[in-house]
């Protein structure tokens, strides 16, 4: 088990592939998108 092993996390990192041992990290929504600055009532 090592860099050449397709099924291990280290092997996935070495090959640059993803799978159940090394899932893709999802990007988090930015704080500005969560707040929705444009949708708030305008200040007079």
PDB file of N, CA and C in Angstrom:
ATOM      1  N   UNK A   1       0.850  -1.178   0.000  1.00  0.00           N
ATOM      2  CA  UNK A   1       0.000   0.000   0.000  1.00  0.00           C
ATOM      3  C   UNK A   1       0.893   1.238   0.000  1.00  0.00           C
ATOM      4  N   UNK A   2       0.717   2.026  -1.022  1.00  0.00           N
ATOM      5  CA  UNK A   2       1.547   3.217  -1.105  1.00  0.00           C
ATOM      6  C   UNK A   2       1.135   4.088  -2.262  1.00  0.00           C
ATOM      7  N   UNK A   3       2.115   4.783  -2.801  1.00  0.00           N
ATOM      8  CA  UNK A   3       1.841   5.748  -3.872  1.00  0.00           C
ATOM      9  C   UNK A   3       1.320   5.089  -5.143  1.00  0.00           C
ATOM     10  N   UNK A   4       1.713   3.864  -5.393  1.00  0.00           N
ATOM     11  CA  UNK A   4       1.292   3.184  -6.614  1.00  0.00           C
ATOM     12  C   UNK A   4      -0.059   2.488  -6.499  1.00  0.00           C
ATOM     13  N   UNK A   5      -0.607   2.430  -5.286  1.00  0.00           N
ATOM     14  CA  UNK A   5      -1.860   1.708  -5.058  1.00  0.00           C
ATOM     15  C   UNK A   5      -3.057   2.592  -5.393  1.00  0.00           C
ATOM     16  N   UNK A   6      -3.861   2.173  -6.370  1.00  0.00           N
ATOM     17  CA  UNK A   6      -5.003   2.962  -6.839  1.00  0.00           C
ATOM     18  C   UNK A   6      -6.081   3.143  -5.772  1.00  0.00           C
ATOM     19  N   UNK A   7      -6.170   2.186  -4.839  1.00  0.00           N
ATOM     20  CA  UNK A   7      -7.291   2.193  -3.896  1.00  0.00           C
ATOM     21  C   UNK A   7      -7.039   3.008  -2.624  1.00  0.00           C
ATOM     22  N   UNK A   8      -5.804   3.412  -2.378  1.00  0.00           N
ATOM     23  CA  UNK A   8      -5.516   4.164  -1.155  1.00  0.00           C
ATOM     24  C   UNK A   8      -5.553   5.667  -1.409  1.00  0.00           C
ATOM     25  N   UNK A   9      -5.743   6.425  -0.319  1.00  0.00           N
ATOM     26  CA  UNK A   9      -5.779   7.887  -0.410  1.00  0.00           C
ATOM     27  C   UNK A   9      -4.466   8.427  -0.968  1.00  0.00           C
ATOM     28  N   UNK A  10      -3.365   7.871  -0.506  1.00  0.00           N
ATOM     29  CA  UNK A  10      -2.043   8.324  -0.970  1.00  0.00           C
ATOM     30  C   UNK A  10      -1.878   8.057  -2.460  1.00  0.00           C
ATOM     31  N   UNK A  11      -2.371   6.937  -2.936  1.00  0.00           N
ATOM     32  CA  UNK A  11      -2.307   6.613  -4.355  1.00  0.00           C
ATOM     33  C   UNK A  11      -3.164   7.550  -5.189  1.00  0.00           C
ATOM     34  N   UNK A  12      -4.337   7.930  -4.644  1.00  0.00           N
ATOM     35  CA  UNK A  12      -5.232   8.866  -5.337  1.00  0.00           C
ATOM     36  C   UNK A  12      -4.572  10.236  -5.462  1.00  0.00           C
ATOM     37  N   UNK A  13      -3.926  10.681  -4.370  1.00  0.00           N
ATOM     38  CA  UNK A  13      -3.229  11.975  -4.380  1.00  0.00           C
ATOM     39  C   UNK A  13      -2.108  11.939  -5.420  1.00  0.00           C
ATOM     40  N   UNK A  14      -1.372  10.852  -5.451  1.00  0.00           N
ATOM     41  CA  UNK A  14      -0.255  10.701  -6.378  1.00  0.00           C
ATOM     42  C   UNK A  14      -0.722  10.732  -7.825  1.00  0.00           C
ATOM     43  N   UNK A  15      -1.854  10.102  -8.119  1.00  0.00           N
ATOM     44  CA  UNK A  15      -2.392  10.062  -9.478  1.00  0.00           C
ATOM     45  C   UNK A  15      -3.198  11.303  -9.833  1.00  0.00           C
ATOM     46  N   UNK A  16      -3.695  12.004  -8.805  1.00  0.00           N
ATOM     47  CA  UNK A  16      -4.515  13.188  -9.035  1.00  0.00           C
ATOM     48  C   UNK A  16      -5.954  12.832  -9.362  1.00  0.00           C
ATOM     49  N   UNK A  17      -6.432  11.699  -8.823  1.00  0.00           N
ATOM     50  CA  UNK A  17      -7.802  11.266  -9.081  1.00  0.00           C
ATOM     51  C   UNK A  17      -8.603  11.309  -7.788  1.00  0.00           C
ATOM     52  N   UNK A  18      -9.922  11.140  -7.919  1.00  0.00           N
ATOM     53  CA  UNK A  18     -10.816  11.170  -6.772  1.00  0.00           C
ATOM     54  C   UNK A  18     -11.618   9.888  -6.716  1.00  0.00           C
ATOM     55  N   UNK A  19     -12.172   9.589  -5.527  1.00  0.00           N
ATOM     56  CA  UNK A  19     -12.987   8.396  -5.331  1.00  0.00           C
ATOM     57  C   UNK A  19     -13.521   8.383  -3.915  1.00  0.00           C
ATOM     58  N   UNK A  20     -14.001   7.215  -3.466  1.00  0.00           N
ATOM     59  CA  UNK A  20     -14.582   7.143  -2.125  1.00  0.00           C
ATOM     60  C   UNK A  20     -13.533   7.350  -1.034  1.00  0.00           C
ATOM     61  N   UNK A  21     -12.293   6.988  -1.314  1.00  0.00           N
ATOM     62  CA  UNK A  21     -11.209   7.209  -0.333  1.00  0.00           C
ATOM     63  C   UNK A  21     -10.742   8.654  -0.311  1.00  0.00           C
ATOM     64  N   UNK A  22     -10.964   9.361  -1.417  1.00  0.00           N
ATOM     65  CA  UNK A  22     -10.543  10.770  -1.527  1.00  0.00           C
ATOM     66  C   UNK A  22     -11.629  11.553  -2.253  1.00  0.00           C
ATOM     67  N   UNK A  23     -12.693  11.920  -1.543  1.00  0.00           N
ATOM     68  CA  UNK A  23     -13.777  12.659  -2.194  1.00  0.00           C
ATOM     69  C   UNK A  23     -13.366  14.090  -2.505  1.00  0.00           C
ATOM     70  N   UNK A  24     -14.057  14.686  -3.471  1.00  0.00           N
ATOM     71  CA  UNK A  24     -13.795  16.089  -3.821  1.00  0.00           C
ATOM     72  C   UNK A  24     -14.351  16.991  -2.737  1.00  0.00           C
ATOM     73  N   UNK A  25     -13.615  18.053  -2.421  1.00  0.00           N
ATOM     74  CA  UNK A  25     -14.066  19.016  -1.419  1.00  0.00           C
ATOM     75  C   UNK A  25     -14.946  20.039  -2.124  1.00  0.00           C
ATOM     76  N   UNK A  26     -16.175  20.195  -1.658  1.00  0.00           N
ATOM     77  CA  UNK A  26     -17.103  21.141  -2.270  1.00  0.00           C
ATOM     78  C   UNK A  26     -16.766  22.553  -1.818  1.00  0.00           C
ATOM     79  N   UNK A  27     -16.873  23.508  -2.746  1.00  0.00           N
ATOM     80  CA  UNK A  27     -16.600  24.907  -2.415  1.00  0.00           C
ATOM     81  C   UNK A  27     -17.747  25.458  -1.584  1.00  0.00           C
ATOM     82  N   UNK A  28     -17.402  26.193  -0.541  1.00  0.00           N
ATOM     83  CA  UNK A  28     -18.416  26.824   0.293  1.00  0.00           C
ATOM     84  C   UNK A  28     -18.893  28.112  -0.357  1.00  0.00           C
ATOM     85  N   UNK A  29     -20.184  28.425  -0.166  1.00  0.00           N
ATOM     86  CA  UNK A  29     -20.717  29.684  -0.684  1.00  0.00           C
ATOM     87  C   UNK A  29     -20.096  30.832   0.101  1.00  0.00           C
ATOM     88  N   UNK A  30     -19.780  31.911  -0.586  1.00  0.00           N
ATOM     89  CA  UNK A  30     -19.174  33.049   0.087  1.00  0.00           C
ATOM     90  C   UNK A  30     -20.198  33.742   0.976  1.00  0.00           C
ATOM     91  N   UNK A  31     -19.722  34.467   1.939  1.00  0.00           N
ATOM     92  CA  UNK A  31     -20.579  35.150   2.912  1.00  0.00           C
ATOM     93  C   UNK A  31     -21.493  36.159   2.225  1.00  0.00           C
ATOM     94  N   UNK A  32     -20.987  36.849   1.194  1.00  0.00           N
ATOM     95  CA  UNK A  32     -21.786  37.841   0.475  1.00  0.00           C
ATOM     96  C   UNK A  32     -22.986  37.194  -0.216  1.00  0.00           C
ATOM     97  N   UNK A  33     -22.807  35.999  -0.762  1.00  0.00           N
ATOM     98  CA  UNK A  33     -23.911  35.303  -1.429  1.00  0.00           C
ATOM     99  C   UNK A  33     -24.974  34.868  -0.436  1.00  0.00           C
ATOM    100  N   UNK A  34     -24.554  34.460   0.773  1.00  0.00           N
ATOM    101  CA  UNK A  34     -25.511  34.034   1.794  1.00  0.00           C
ATOM    102  C   UNK A  34     -26.369  35.200   2.264  1.00  0.00           C
ATOM    103  N   UNK A  35     -25.753  36.379   2.399  1.00  0.00           N
ATOM    104  CA  UNK A  35     -26.461  37.548   2.917  1.00  0.00           C
ATOM    105  C   UNK A  35     -27.402  38.132   1.854  1.00  0.00           C
ATOM    106  N   UNK A  36     -27.044  38.028   0.575  1.00  0.00           N
ATOM    107  CA  UNK A  36     -27.815  38.628  -0.520  1.00  0.00           C
ATOM    108  C   UNK A  36     -27.986  40.127  -0.286  1.00  0.00           C
ATOM    109  N   UNK A  37     -26.910  40.850  -0.437  1.00  0.00           N
ATOM    110  CA  UNK A  37     -26.859  42.278  -0.151  1.00  0.00           C
ATOM    111  C   UNK A  37     -27.896  43.053  -0.970  1.00  0.00           C
ATOM    112  N   UNK A  38     -28.077  42.728  -2.236  1.00  0.00           N
ATOM    113  CA  UNK A  38     -28.974  43.466  -3.120  1.00  0.00           C
ATOM    114  C   UNK A  38     -30.451  43.276  -2.789  1.00  0.00           C
ATOM    115  N   UNK A  39     -30.829  42.196  -2.108  1.00  0.00           N
ATOM    116  CA  UNK A  39     -32.238  41.905  -1.892  1.00  0.00           C
ATOM    117  C   UNK A  39     -32.824  42.609  -0.653  1.00  0.00           C
ATOM    118  N   UNK A  40     -31.973  43.204   0.163  1.00  0.00           N
ATOM    119  CA  UNK A  40     -32.452  43.901   1.377  1.00  0.00           C
ATOM    120  C   UNK A  40     -33.129  45.219   1.017  1.00  0.00           C
ATOM    121  N   UNK A  41     -33.983  45.707   1.891  1.00  0.00           N
ATOM    122  CA  UNK A  41     -34.653  46.998   1.670  1.00  0.00           C
ATOM    123  C   UNK A  41     -33.635  48.122   1.658  1.00  0.00           C
ATOM    124  N   UNK A  42     -33.834  49.087   0.803  1.00  0.00           N
ATOM    125  CA  UNK A  42     -32.887  50.193   0.686  1.00  0.00           C
ATOM    126  C   UNK A  42     -33.050  51.175   1.843  1.00  0.00           C
ATOM    127  N   UNK A  43     -31.928  51.730   2.291  1.00  0.00           N
ATOM    128  CA  UNK A  43     -31.946  52.707   3.367  1.00  0.00           C
ATOM    129  C   UNK A  43     -32.171  54.079   2.771  1.00  0.00           C
ATOM    130  N   UNK A  44     -33.090  54.847   3.363  1.00  0.00           N
ATOM    131  CA  UNK A  44     -33.411  56.187   2.829  1.00  0.00           C
ATOM    132  C   UNK A  44     -32.446  57.239   3.329  1.00  0.00           C
TER     133      UNK A  44
END
